[in-house]
N, C-alpha and C. Protein backbone atom coordinates (compact mmCIF):
# COMPACT_ATOMS: atom_id res chain seq x y z
N MET A 1 11.94 9.33 16.86
CA MET A 1 12.24 7.96 17.24
C MET A 1 13.18 7.35 16.20
N GLU A 2 14.36 6.98 16.64
CA GLU A 2 15.37 6.48 15.71
C GLU A 2 15.09 5.04 15.30
N LEU A 3 15.20 4.80 14.00
CA LEU A 3 15.01 3.45 13.47
C LEU A 3 16.37 2.75 13.42
N LYS A 4 16.48 1.62 14.08
CA LYS A 4 17.71 0.84 14.04
C LYS A 4 17.50 -0.33 13.09
N GLY A 5 17.88 -0.13 11.85
CA GLY A 5 17.68 -1.15 10.84
C GLY A 5 16.99 -0.58 9.62
N TYR A 6 16.32 -1.43 8.88
CA TYR A 6 15.70 -1.05 7.62
C TYR A 6 14.21 -1.37 7.62
N GLY A 7 13.49 -0.61 6.81
CA GLY A 7 12.10 -0.93 6.52
C GLY A 7 12.03 -1.53 5.13
N LEU A 8 11.23 -2.57 4.97
CA LEU A 8 11.06 -3.23 3.68
C LEU A 8 9.62 -3.09 3.24
N GLY A 9 9.42 -2.65 2.00
CA GLY A 9 8.08 -2.52 1.45
C GLY A 9 7.87 -3.46 0.28
N ILE A 10 6.70 -4.11 0.24
CA ILE A 10 6.35 -5.05 -0.83
C ILE A 10 4.99 -4.67 -1.39
N HIS A 11 4.93 -4.45 -2.70
CA HIS A 11 3.67 -4.11 -3.37
C HIS A 11 3.46 -5.09 -4.52
N SER A 12 2.52 -5.99 -4.34
CA SER A 12 2.25 -7.00 -5.38
C SER A 12 0.77 -7.03 -5.76
N SER A 13 0.07 -5.93 -5.52
CA SER A 13 -1.37 -5.90 -5.79
C SER A 13 -1.73 -5.55 -7.23
N SER A 14 -0.71 -5.44 -8.08
CA SER A 14 -0.94 -5.25 -9.51
C SER A 14 0.10 -6.09 -10.24
N PRO A 15 -0.01 -6.25 -11.56
CA PRO A 15 0.99 -7.06 -12.28
C PRO A 15 2.41 -6.53 -12.18
N GLU A 16 2.57 -5.30 -11.68
CA GLU A 16 3.89 -4.70 -11.50
C GLU A 16 4.32 -4.87 -10.05
N LEU A 17 5.35 -5.66 -9.83
CA LEU A 17 5.89 -5.86 -8.48
C LEU A 17 6.78 -4.68 -8.10
N GLY A 18 6.57 -4.16 -6.92
CA GLY A 18 7.41 -3.09 -6.41
C GLY A 18 8.00 -3.49 -5.07
N ILE A 19 9.31 -3.32 -4.91
CA ILE A 19 9.99 -3.62 -3.64
C ILE A 19 10.90 -2.45 -3.30
N ILE A 20 10.92 -2.08 -2.03
CA ILE A 20 11.77 -0.98 -1.58
C ILE A 20 12.36 -1.34 -0.22
N ILE A 21 13.59 -0.91 0.01
CA ILE A 21 14.23 -1.06 1.32
C ILE A 21 14.92 0.26 1.66
N SER A 22 14.80 0.69 2.91
CA SER A 22 15.36 1.99 3.29
C SER A 22 15.65 2.01 4.79
N ASN A 23 16.72 2.75 5.15
CA ASN A 23 16.97 3.02 6.57
C ASN A 23 16.54 4.44 6.92
N PHE A 24 15.95 5.15 5.93
CA PHE A 24 15.35 6.48 6.09
C PHE A 24 16.35 7.56 6.47
N THR A 25 17.61 7.29 6.20
CA THR A 25 18.64 8.33 6.40
C THR A 25 19.49 8.47 5.14
N ASP A 26 20.26 7.43 4.82
CA ASP A 26 21.19 7.58 3.70
C ASP A 26 21.25 6.37 2.78
N ASP A 27 20.34 5.43 2.97
CA ASP A 27 20.40 4.22 2.15
C ASP A 27 18.99 3.82 1.74
N ILE A 28 18.71 3.86 0.44
CA ILE A 28 17.40 3.48 -0.06
C ILE A 28 17.54 2.87 -1.45
N ARG A 29 16.84 1.77 -1.68
CA ARG A 29 16.78 1.14 -3.00
C ARG A 29 15.35 0.77 -3.30
N CYS A 30 14.95 1.02 -4.54
CA CYS A 30 13.58 0.73 -4.94
C CYS A 30 13.59 0.24 -6.39
N GLU A 31 12.87 -0.84 -6.66
CA GLU A 31 12.79 -1.38 -8.01
C GLU A 31 11.38 -1.87 -8.30
N THR A 32 11.02 -1.85 -9.59
CA THR A 32 9.75 -2.42 -10.03
C THR A 32 10.01 -3.36 -11.20
N TRP A 33 9.17 -4.37 -11.30
CA TRP A 33 9.25 -5.34 -12.39
C TRP A 33 7.84 -5.62 -12.89
N ASN A 34 7.64 -5.50 -14.18
CA ASN A 34 6.32 -5.79 -14.75
C ASN A 34 6.27 -7.30 -15.05
N LEU A 35 5.77 -8.06 -14.11
CA LEU A 35 5.82 -9.52 -14.19
C LEU A 35 4.53 -10.15 -14.72
N GLY A 36 3.44 -9.38 -14.75
CA GLY A 36 2.19 -9.92 -15.25
C GLY A 36 1.75 -11.13 -14.42
N HIS A 37 1.35 -12.19 -15.11
CA HIS A 37 0.87 -13.39 -14.43
C HIS A 37 1.99 -14.17 -13.74
N ASP A 38 3.24 -13.81 -14.02
CA ASP A 38 4.37 -14.51 -13.39
C ASP A 38 4.68 -13.98 -11.99
N LEU A 39 3.99 -12.93 -11.57
CA LEU A 39 4.33 -12.30 -10.29
C LEU A 39 4.22 -13.29 -9.14
N SER A 40 3.14 -14.05 -9.11
CA SER A 40 2.91 -14.94 -7.96
C SER A 40 3.97 -16.03 -7.86
N THR A 41 4.57 -16.42 -8.99
CA THR A 41 5.56 -17.49 -8.96
C THR A 41 6.99 -16.97 -8.81
N HIS A 42 7.19 -15.68 -9.07
CA HIS A 42 8.55 -15.13 -9.02
C HIS A 42 8.80 -14.17 -7.86
N LEU A 43 7.77 -13.86 -7.08
CA LEU A 43 7.92 -12.88 -6.00
C LEU A 43 9.05 -13.25 -5.05
N HIS A 44 9.08 -14.49 -4.59
CA HIS A 44 10.09 -14.88 -3.61
C HIS A 44 11.51 -14.79 -4.18
N GLN A 45 11.65 -15.13 -5.44
CA GLN A 45 12.97 -15.05 -6.08
C GLN A 45 13.46 -13.61 -6.15
N TYR A 46 12.60 -12.71 -6.63
CA TYR A 46 12.98 -11.31 -6.74
C TYR A 46 13.26 -10.70 -5.37
N LEU A 47 12.48 -11.09 -4.38
CA LEU A 47 12.66 -10.56 -3.04
C LEU A 47 14.00 -11.00 -2.44
N ALA A 48 14.33 -12.28 -2.62
CA ALA A 48 15.59 -12.81 -2.08
C ALA A 48 16.80 -12.15 -2.73
N GLU A 49 16.70 -11.86 -4.03
CA GLU A 49 17.81 -11.21 -4.73
C GLU A 49 17.90 -9.73 -4.38
N PHE A 50 16.74 -9.08 -4.23
CA PHE A 50 16.70 -7.65 -3.98
C PHE A 50 17.25 -7.28 -2.61
N ILE A 51 17.00 -8.12 -1.61
CA ILE A 51 17.37 -7.78 -0.23
C ILE A 51 18.88 -7.61 -0.07
N GLN A 52 19.66 -8.26 -0.89
CA GLN A 52 21.12 -8.16 -0.80
C GLN A 52 21.60 -6.76 -1.21
N PRO A 53 22.60 -6.19 -0.57
CA PRO A 53 23.54 -6.81 0.38
C PRO A 53 23.04 -6.84 1.83
N GLN A 54 21.83 -6.29 2.09
CA GLN A 54 21.29 -6.42 3.44
C GLN A 54 20.84 -7.86 3.66
N SER A 55 20.63 -8.19 4.92
CA SER A 55 20.13 -9.52 5.27
C SER A 55 18.79 -9.36 5.97
N TRP A 56 18.07 -10.46 6.12
CA TRP A 56 16.75 -10.39 6.75
C TRP A 56 16.85 -9.85 8.17
N SER A 57 17.95 -10.13 8.85
CA SER A 57 18.11 -9.68 10.24
C SER A 57 18.27 -8.17 10.35
N ASP A 58 18.50 -7.49 9.21
CA ASP A 58 18.63 -6.03 9.23
C ASP A 58 17.27 -5.33 9.27
N LEU A 59 16.19 -6.06 9.08
CA LEU A 59 14.87 -5.44 8.97
C LEU A 59 14.30 -5.10 10.34
N ALA A 60 13.82 -3.86 10.46
CA ALA A 60 13.16 -3.41 11.69
C ALA A 60 11.64 -3.53 11.57
N PHE A 61 11.12 -3.41 10.34
CA PHE A 61 9.69 -3.61 10.11
C PHE A 61 9.46 -3.87 8.63
N ILE A 62 8.27 -4.36 8.32
CA ILE A 62 7.87 -4.66 6.95
C ILE A 62 6.54 -3.98 6.66
N ALA A 63 6.38 -3.50 5.44
CA ALA A 63 5.10 -2.93 4.99
C ALA A 63 4.67 -3.67 3.73
N VAL A 64 3.39 -3.94 3.62
CA VAL A 64 2.88 -4.67 2.45
C VAL A 64 1.57 -4.05 1.98
N ALA A 65 1.38 -4.07 0.67
CA ALA A 65 0.12 -3.60 0.09
C ALA A 65 -0.96 -4.63 0.38
N LYS A 66 -2.04 -4.21 1.03
CA LYS A 66 -3.09 -5.15 1.42
C LYS A 66 -4.25 -5.17 0.42
N GLY A 67 -4.12 -4.41 -0.69
CA GLY A 67 -5.20 -4.32 -1.64
C GLY A 67 -5.98 -3.03 -1.40
N PRO A 68 -6.99 -2.77 -2.22
CA PRO A 68 -7.51 -3.63 -3.27
C PRO A 68 -6.58 -3.71 -4.49
N GLY A 69 -6.89 -4.70 -5.34
CA GLY A 69 -6.09 -4.91 -6.54
C GLY A 69 -6.24 -6.34 -6.99
N SER A 70 -5.19 -6.86 -7.58
CA SER A 70 -5.20 -8.25 -8.03
C SER A 70 -5.40 -9.19 -6.85
N PHE A 71 -6.36 -10.09 -6.96
CA PHE A 71 -6.64 -11.03 -5.87
C PHE A 71 -5.42 -11.91 -5.58
N THR A 72 -4.88 -12.54 -6.63
CA THR A 72 -3.76 -13.46 -6.44
C THR A 72 -2.51 -12.73 -5.98
N GLY A 73 -2.20 -11.59 -6.61
CA GLY A 73 -1.01 -10.83 -6.24
C GLY A 73 -1.08 -10.31 -4.82
N THR A 74 -2.25 -9.81 -4.43
CA THR A 74 -2.43 -9.32 -3.06
C THR A 74 -2.27 -10.44 -2.06
N ARG A 75 -2.88 -11.58 -2.35
CA ARG A 75 -2.83 -12.71 -1.43
C ARG A 75 -1.39 -13.18 -1.22
N ILE A 76 -0.64 -13.36 -2.30
CA ILE A 76 0.73 -13.88 -2.17
C ILE A 76 1.63 -12.86 -1.48
N GLY A 77 1.38 -11.57 -1.72
CA GLY A 77 2.18 -10.54 -1.07
C GLY A 77 1.95 -10.49 0.43
N VAL A 78 0.68 -10.54 0.84
CA VAL A 78 0.35 -10.50 2.26
C VAL A 78 0.84 -11.76 2.97
N VAL A 79 0.66 -12.91 2.35
CA VAL A 79 1.12 -14.17 2.95
C VAL A 79 2.64 -14.15 3.13
N THR A 80 3.35 -13.68 2.11
CA THR A 80 4.82 -13.60 2.19
C THR A 80 5.26 -12.67 3.31
N ALA A 81 4.63 -11.49 3.38
CA ALA A 81 5.00 -10.51 4.39
C ALA A 81 4.67 -11.01 5.80
N ARG A 82 3.53 -11.68 5.96
CA ARG A 82 3.17 -12.23 7.26
C ARG A 82 4.18 -13.29 7.71
N THR A 83 4.59 -14.13 6.77
CA THR A 83 5.56 -15.19 7.10
C THR A 83 6.89 -14.60 7.53
N LEU A 84 7.36 -13.59 6.77
CA LEU A 84 8.63 -12.94 7.12
C LEU A 84 8.55 -12.26 8.48
N ALA A 85 7.48 -11.49 8.69
CA ALA A 85 7.34 -10.75 9.94
C ALA A 85 7.24 -11.70 11.14
N GLN A 86 6.58 -12.83 10.95
CA GLN A 86 6.46 -13.81 12.03
C GLN A 86 7.83 -14.41 12.35
N GLN A 87 8.56 -14.80 11.31
CA GLN A 87 9.86 -15.44 11.53
C GLN A 87 10.89 -14.46 12.10
N LEU A 88 10.82 -13.20 11.63
CA LEU A 88 11.80 -12.21 12.06
C LEU A 88 11.38 -11.49 13.34
N GLU A 89 10.12 -11.70 13.73
CA GLU A 89 9.56 -11.05 14.92
C GLU A 89 9.67 -9.52 14.81
N VAL A 90 9.18 -8.99 13.67
CA VAL A 90 9.18 -7.55 13.45
C VAL A 90 7.74 -7.11 13.14
N PRO A 91 7.42 -5.83 13.35
CA PRO A 91 6.08 -5.34 13.05
C PRO A 91 5.78 -5.43 11.55
N LEU A 92 4.50 -5.60 11.22
CA LEU A 92 4.06 -5.65 9.84
C LEU A 92 2.92 -4.66 9.64
N PHE A 93 3.15 -3.69 8.75
CA PHE A 93 2.14 -2.68 8.43
C PHE A 93 1.45 -3.06 7.13
N ALA A 94 0.15 -3.29 7.17
CA ALA A 94 -0.64 -3.57 5.97
C ALA A 94 -1.27 -2.26 5.51
N VAL A 95 -0.87 -1.79 4.35
CA VAL A 95 -1.25 -0.45 3.87
C VAL A 95 -2.14 -0.58 2.64
N SER A 96 -3.20 0.20 2.60
CA SER A 96 -4.11 0.21 1.46
C SER A 96 -3.40 0.71 0.20
N THR A 97 -3.65 0.04 -0.91
CA THR A 97 -3.09 0.51 -2.18
C THR A 97 -3.65 1.88 -2.56
N LEU A 98 -4.91 2.12 -2.21
CA LEU A 98 -5.52 3.42 -2.51
C LEU A 98 -4.92 4.52 -1.63
N ALA A 99 -4.63 4.17 -0.37
CA ALA A 99 -4.02 5.14 0.54
C ALA A 99 -2.63 5.54 0.05
N ALA A 100 -1.87 4.58 -0.47
CA ALA A 100 -0.52 4.88 -0.97
C ALA A 100 -0.58 5.84 -2.16
N VAL A 101 -1.54 5.62 -3.05
CA VAL A 101 -1.71 6.51 -4.20
C VAL A 101 -2.13 7.90 -3.75
N ALA A 102 -3.05 7.96 -2.79
CA ALA A 102 -3.50 9.26 -2.28
C ALA A 102 -2.36 10.03 -1.64
N TRP A 103 -1.51 9.32 -0.89
CA TRP A 103 -0.39 9.97 -0.20
C TRP A 103 0.61 10.57 -1.18
N ALA A 104 0.67 10.02 -2.36
CA ALA A 104 1.62 10.50 -3.37
C ALA A 104 1.24 11.86 -3.93
N HIS A 105 0.00 12.27 -3.73
CA HIS A 105 -0.47 13.54 -4.30
C HIS A 105 -0.56 14.60 -3.21
N ASP A 106 0.27 15.60 -3.33
CA ASP A 106 0.31 16.69 -2.35
C ASP A 106 -0.84 17.65 -2.61
N PRO A 107 -1.79 17.77 -1.67
CA PRO A 107 -2.93 18.65 -1.88
C PRO A 107 -2.61 20.12 -1.66
N GLY A 108 -1.40 20.42 -1.17
CA GLY A 108 -1.05 21.80 -0.90
C GLY A 108 -1.46 22.21 0.51
N ASN A 109 -1.34 23.48 0.79
CA ASN A 109 -1.58 23.97 2.14
C ASN A 109 -3.04 23.87 2.59
N ASP A 110 -3.97 23.76 1.63
CA ASP A 110 -5.38 23.68 2.02
C ASP A 110 -5.79 22.27 2.41
N ARG A 111 -4.88 21.31 2.34
CA ARG A 111 -5.15 19.93 2.71
C ARG A 111 -6.38 19.39 1.99
N GLN A 112 -6.46 19.68 0.71
CA GLN A 112 -7.59 19.20 -0.09
C GLN A 112 -7.69 17.68 -0.02
N ALA A 113 -8.90 17.17 0.08
CA ALA A 113 -9.12 15.74 0.14
C ALA A 113 -8.75 15.09 -1.20
N ILE A 114 -8.31 13.85 -1.14
CA ILE A 114 -7.95 13.09 -2.34
C ILE A 114 -8.91 11.91 -2.47
N ALA A 115 -9.71 11.93 -3.53
CA ALA A 115 -10.59 10.80 -3.84
C ALA A 115 -9.88 9.91 -4.85
N VAL A 116 -9.86 8.62 -4.57
CA VAL A 116 -9.15 7.67 -5.41
C VAL A 116 -10.12 6.61 -5.92
N GLN A 117 -10.06 6.32 -7.20
CA GLN A 117 -10.90 5.26 -7.75
C GLN A 117 -10.07 4.36 -8.65
N MET A 118 -10.46 3.09 -8.69
CA MET A 118 -9.74 2.10 -9.48
C MET A 118 -10.73 1.07 -9.99
N PRO A 119 -10.60 0.64 -11.25
CA PRO A 119 -11.54 -0.35 -11.78
C PRO A 119 -11.52 -1.64 -10.97
N ALA A 120 -12.69 -2.17 -10.71
CA ALA A 120 -12.85 -3.49 -10.11
C ALA A 120 -13.52 -4.38 -11.15
N SER A 121 -13.69 -5.63 -10.83
CA SER A 121 -14.36 -6.53 -11.77
C SER A 121 -15.87 -6.33 -11.73
N ARG A 122 -16.56 -6.93 -12.67
CA ARG A 122 -18.01 -6.89 -12.77
C ARG A 122 -18.58 -5.47 -12.85
N GLY A 123 -17.80 -4.59 -13.49
CA GLY A 123 -18.29 -3.23 -13.76
C GLY A 123 -18.33 -2.32 -12.55
N GLU A 124 -17.68 -2.71 -11.44
CA GLU A 124 -17.67 -1.89 -10.24
C GLU A 124 -16.34 -1.15 -10.12
N VAL A 125 -16.25 -0.30 -9.10
CA VAL A 125 -15.00 0.43 -8.85
C VAL A 125 -14.63 0.31 -7.38
N PHE A 126 -13.32 0.27 -7.12
CA PHE A 126 -12.81 0.45 -5.76
C PHE A 126 -12.68 1.94 -5.55
N ALA A 127 -13.03 2.41 -4.36
CA ALA A 127 -12.99 3.84 -4.13
C ALA A 127 -12.71 4.16 -2.67
N ALA A 128 -12.13 5.33 -2.45
CA ALA A 128 -11.85 5.81 -1.10
C ALA A 128 -11.56 7.30 -1.16
N VAL A 129 -11.66 7.96 -0.01
CA VAL A 129 -11.31 9.38 0.09
C VAL A 129 -10.40 9.55 1.29
N TYR A 130 -9.27 10.20 1.07
CA TYR A 130 -8.28 10.41 2.13
C TYR A 130 -7.94 11.90 2.24
N GLN A 131 -7.41 12.27 3.39
CA GLN A 131 -6.94 13.63 3.61
C GLN A 131 -5.74 13.61 4.54
N LYS A 132 -4.74 14.40 4.23
CA LYS A 132 -3.57 14.48 5.10
C LYS A 132 -3.94 15.21 6.39
N SER A 133 -3.34 14.77 7.50
CA SER A 133 -3.61 15.39 8.78
C SER A 133 -3.06 16.80 8.83
N VAL A 134 -3.44 17.54 9.85
CA VAL A 134 -3.02 18.94 9.98
C VAL A 134 -1.51 19.06 10.01
N ASN A 135 -0.85 18.12 10.68
CA ASN A 135 0.62 18.18 10.78
C ASN A 135 1.31 17.40 9.67
N TYR A 136 0.51 16.85 8.73
CA TYR A 136 1.05 16.10 7.59
C TYR A 136 1.82 14.85 8.02
N LEU A 137 1.57 14.37 9.23
CA LEU A 137 2.31 13.22 9.73
C LEU A 137 1.51 11.92 9.63
N THR A 138 0.32 12.03 9.10
CA THR A 138 -0.48 10.84 8.89
C THR A 138 -1.55 11.15 7.85
N GLN A 139 -2.37 10.16 7.56
CA GLN A 139 -3.43 10.33 6.57
C GLN A 139 -4.74 9.82 7.17
N VAL A 140 -5.79 10.60 6.99
CA VAL A 140 -7.08 10.29 7.59
C VAL A 140 -8.02 9.72 6.55
N GLU A 141 -8.75 8.67 6.91
CA GLU A 141 -9.77 8.10 6.03
C GLU A 141 -11.05 8.91 6.17
N LEU A 142 -11.45 9.59 5.10
CA LEU A 142 -12.75 10.25 5.09
C LEU A 142 -13.82 9.31 4.57
N LEU A 143 -13.42 8.44 3.65
CA LEU A 143 -14.28 7.34 3.17
C LEU A 143 -13.39 6.12 3.04
N PRO A 144 -13.55 5.11 3.91
CA PRO A 144 -12.70 3.92 3.86
C PRO A 144 -12.81 3.19 2.52
N ASP A 145 -11.80 2.42 2.20
CA ASP A 145 -11.79 1.63 0.98
C ASP A 145 -13.07 0.81 0.86
N THR A 146 -13.69 0.89 -0.30
CA THR A 146 -14.94 0.18 -0.52
C THR A 146 -15.08 -0.15 -2.00
N VAL A 147 -16.09 -0.92 -2.35
CA VAL A 147 -16.38 -1.23 -3.74
C VAL A 147 -17.84 -0.88 -4.00
N MET A 148 -18.11 -0.27 -5.15
CA MET A 148 -19.47 0.16 -5.46
C MET A 148 -19.65 0.31 -6.97
N LYS A 149 -20.88 0.45 -7.37
CA LYS A 149 -21.20 0.71 -8.76
C LYS A 149 -20.73 2.12 -9.12
N PRO A 150 -20.29 2.33 -10.38
CA PRO A 150 -19.80 3.65 -10.78
C PRO A 150 -20.81 4.78 -10.52
N GLU A 151 -22.09 4.50 -10.77
CA GLU A 151 -23.09 5.55 -10.57
C GLU A 151 -23.25 5.91 -9.08
N VAL A 152 -23.07 4.91 -8.21
CA VAL A 152 -23.15 5.17 -6.78
C VAL A 152 -21.94 6.00 -6.33
N TRP A 153 -20.77 5.68 -6.87
CA TRP A 153 -19.56 6.43 -6.57
C TRP A 153 -19.68 7.88 -7.04
N GLN A 154 -20.22 8.08 -8.23
CA GLN A 154 -20.41 9.44 -8.73
C GLN A 154 -21.36 10.23 -7.84
N GLN A 155 -22.40 9.58 -7.36
CA GLN A 155 -23.33 10.25 -6.46
C GLN A 155 -22.67 10.54 -5.12
N THR A 156 -21.83 9.62 -4.67
CA THR A 156 -21.09 9.83 -3.43
C THR A 156 -20.19 11.06 -3.53
N LEU A 157 -19.50 11.18 -4.66
CA LEU A 157 -18.65 12.36 -4.87
C LEU A 157 -19.48 13.64 -4.92
N ALA A 158 -20.62 13.55 -5.58
CA ALA A 158 -21.49 14.74 -5.70
C ALA A 158 -22.00 15.20 -4.34
N ASN A 159 -22.10 14.27 -3.40
CA ASN A 159 -22.64 14.60 -2.08
C ASN A 159 -21.57 15.06 -1.09
N LEU A 160 -20.30 15.00 -1.49
CA LEU A 160 -19.24 15.46 -0.59
C LEU A 160 -19.39 16.94 -0.31
N THR A 161 -19.18 17.32 0.93
CA THR A 161 -19.37 18.71 1.33
C THR A 161 -18.06 19.47 1.44
N TYR A 162 -16.98 18.88 0.92
CA TYR A 162 -15.67 19.52 0.99
C TYR A 162 -14.99 19.37 -0.38
N PRO A 163 -14.04 20.26 -0.69
CA PRO A 163 -13.34 20.16 -1.98
C PRO A 163 -12.45 18.92 -2.02
N TYR A 164 -12.29 18.36 -3.21
CA TYR A 164 -11.47 17.16 -3.35
C TYR A 164 -10.83 17.14 -4.74
N LYS A 165 -9.79 16.34 -4.84
CA LYS A 165 -9.15 16.08 -6.12
C LYS A 165 -9.32 14.60 -6.43
N LEU A 166 -9.79 14.28 -7.64
CA LEU A 166 -10.05 12.90 -8.01
C LEU A 166 -8.84 12.30 -8.73
N ILE A 167 -8.37 11.16 -8.24
CA ILE A 167 -7.27 10.43 -8.86
C ILE A 167 -7.82 9.10 -9.37
N GLU A 168 -7.64 8.85 -10.66
CA GLU A 168 -8.11 7.60 -11.25
C GLU A 168 -6.91 6.70 -11.54
N ILE A 169 -6.91 5.52 -10.94
CA ILE A 169 -5.85 4.55 -11.16
C ILE A 169 -6.24 3.67 -12.34
N SER A 170 -5.40 3.63 -13.36
CA SER A 170 -5.75 2.86 -14.55
C SER A 170 -4.70 1.82 -14.92
N GLY A 171 -3.55 1.88 -14.27
CA GLY A 171 -2.47 0.96 -14.65
C GLY A 171 -1.82 0.30 -13.46
N ASN A 172 -0.55 -0.03 -13.61
CA ASN A 172 0.19 -0.70 -12.56
C ASN A 172 0.47 0.22 -11.38
N MET A 173 0.65 -0.37 -10.22
CA MET A 173 0.82 0.41 -9.00
C MET A 173 2.12 0.11 -8.26
N GLY A 174 2.98 -0.72 -8.84
CA GLY A 174 4.19 -1.12 -8.14
C GLY A 174 5.05 0.05 -7.69
N ALA A 175 5.10 1.12 -8.49
CA ALA A 175 5.95 2.26 -8.16
C ALA A 175 5.49 2.99 -6.90
N SER A 176 4.23 2.82 -6.52
CA SER A 176 3.73 3.50 -5.32
C SER A 176 4.20 2.79 -4.04
N VAL A 177 5.04 1.77 -4.17
CA VAL A 177 5.58 1.09 -3.00
C VAL A 177 6.38 2.06 -2.12
N SER A 178 6.98 3.08 -2.73
CA SER A 178 7.74 4.05 -1.94
C SER A 178 6.82 4.84 -1.01
N HIS A 179 5.63 5.18 -1.48
CA HIS A 179 4.66 5.90 -0.65
C HIS A 179 4.06 4.97 0.40
N LEU A 180 3.90 3.72 0.03
CA LEU A 180 3.43 2.70 0.98
C LEU A 180 4.38 2.60 2.17
N LEU A 181 5.69 2.54 1.88
CA LEU A 181 6.68 2.43 2.94
C LEU A 181 6.73 3.71 3.77
N GLU A 182 6.55 4.84 3.12
CA GLU A 182 6.56 6.11 3.85
C GLU A 182 5.42 6.18 4.85
N LEU A 183 4.23 5.74 4.44
CA LEU A 183 3.09 5.73 5.36
C LEU A 183 3.36 4.80 6.55
N ALA A 184 3.95 3.65 6.27
CA ALA A 184 4.27 2.72 7.35
C ALA A 184 5.29 3.32 8.31
N TYR A 185 6.29 4.01 7.76
CA TYR A 185 7.32 4.62 8.61
C TYR A 185 6.74 5.72 9.49
N LEU A 186 5.79 6.48 8.95
CA LEU A 186 5.14 7.52 9.75
C LEU A 186 4.40 6.90 10.93
N ASP A 187 3.74 5.77 10.68
CA ASP A 187 3.05 5.07 11.78
C ASP A 187 4.07 4.51 12.77
N TRP A 188 5.18 4.01 12.25
CA TRP A 188 6.24 3.48 13.13
C TRP A 188 6.76 4.59 14.04
N GLN A 189 6.94 5.78 13.48
CA GLN A 189 7.43 6.91 14.27
C GLN A 189 6.43 7.33 15.35
N GLN A 190 5.15 7.04 15.09
CA GLN A 190 4.12 7.36 16.08
C GLN A 190 4.02 6.29 17.16
N GLY A 191 4.87 5.28 17.08
CA GLY A 191 4.91 4.25 18.10
C GLY A 191 4.07 3.02 17.81
N LEU A 192 3.48 2.93 16.63
CA LEU A 192 2.68 1.77 16.29
C LEU A 192 3.58 0.59 15.94
N ARG A 193 3.23 -0.58 16.44
CA ARG A 193 3.99 -1.80 16.19
C ARG A 193 3.02 -2.95 15.92
N PRO A 194 2.32 -2.93 14.79
CA PRO A 194 1.30 -3.96 14.53
C PRO A 194 1.87 -5.36 14.41
N HIS A 195 1.19 -6.31 15.02
CA HIS A 195 1.59 -7.71 14.97
C HIS A 195 1.27 -8.27 13.58
N TRP A 196 2.07 -9.23 13.14
CA TRP A 196 1.88 -9.79 11.80
C TRP A 196 0.48 -10.36 11.59
N SER A 197 -0.12 -10.88 12.67
CA SER A 197 -1.43 -11.50 12.55
C SER A 197 -2.54 -10.49 12.24
N GLU A 198 -2.24 -9.19 12.45
CA GLU A 198 -3.24 -8.15 12.18
C GLU A 198 -3.29 -7.78 10.71
N ALA A 199 -2.31 -8.20 9.92
CA ALA A 199 -2.24 -7.84 8.50
C ALA A 199 -3.16 -8.74 7.70
N LEU A 200 -4.25 -8.19 7.24
CA LEU A 200 -5.24 -8.94 6.48
C LEU A 200 -5.45 -8.28 5.11
N PRO A 201 -5.60 -9.07 4.08
CA PRO A 201 -5.83 -8.49 2.74
C PRO A 201 -7.22 -7.90 2.62
N PHE A 202 -7.34 -6.88 1.78
CA PHE A 202 -8.65 -6.31 1.45
C PHE A 202 -8.91 -6.60 -0.02
N TYR A 203 -9.82 -7.52 -0.27
CA TYR A 203 -10.14 -7.89 -1.63
C TYR A 203 -11.32 -7.08 -2.18
N GLY A 204 -12.27 -6.74 -1.32
CA GLY A 204 -13.42 -5.97 -1.76
C GLY A 204 -14.48 -6.79 -2.44
N GLN A 205 -14.03 -7.71 -3.27
CA GLN A 205 -14.95 -8.57 -4.01
C GLN A 205 -14.50 -10.01 -3.87
N HIS A 206 -15.44 -10.94 -3.99
CA HIS A 206 -15.06 -12.34 -4.05
C HIS A 206 -14.53 -12.61 -5.45
N PRO A 207 -13.43 -13.39 -5.58
CA PRO A 207 -12.84 -13.59 -6.91
C PRO A 207 -13.75 -14.31 -7.88
N VAL A 208 -14.71 -15.07 -7.36
CA VAL A 208 -15.64 -15.79 -8.23
C VAL A 208 -17.06 -15.47 -7.82
N GLU A 209 -17.85 -15.05 -8.77
CA GLU A 209 -19.23 -14.71 -8.46
C GLU A 209 -20.14 -15.88 -8.75
């Protein structure tokens, strides 16, 4: 299925902002900025500057990191992407930050499962298990994104009945925006056209206990 236009990816679920634009043939640009607490106030500025020389009308779809990760960064990223997709009337793919990290790791021909964990607040962890499909054209959730105590996660891993590789996320995730966009494009090729209203953030935890 030929894409007429560009896909735009936005990853703001960590202090490192990642933005990518691609037509998936011969034109791709990707940048990251370590903005820290300034991410929420500078996202729109960086996005407006990055999109050039393309224009908003060139976009065929948008992909955004839906979390888990920074509460404020995730919220502003999803809100921005929803607003753009609504105004431009283009599909919006909300992609898990854990799924994007898992997709970046090639398990080889045995399609080994990828377990991903990331620190959460209050001594908990965000966790999920993914596996590439038989045709490598999508990714399957073996354990959906969730939050749990570290000891519960360790027991969950111990109870898995299939081989897996554990990936621990300890830093910024902006660079995984390229994998986020790739996952969205694979879904686009499968004919999926999610409405902007379907894009909801996954926080996992309430920001205030």
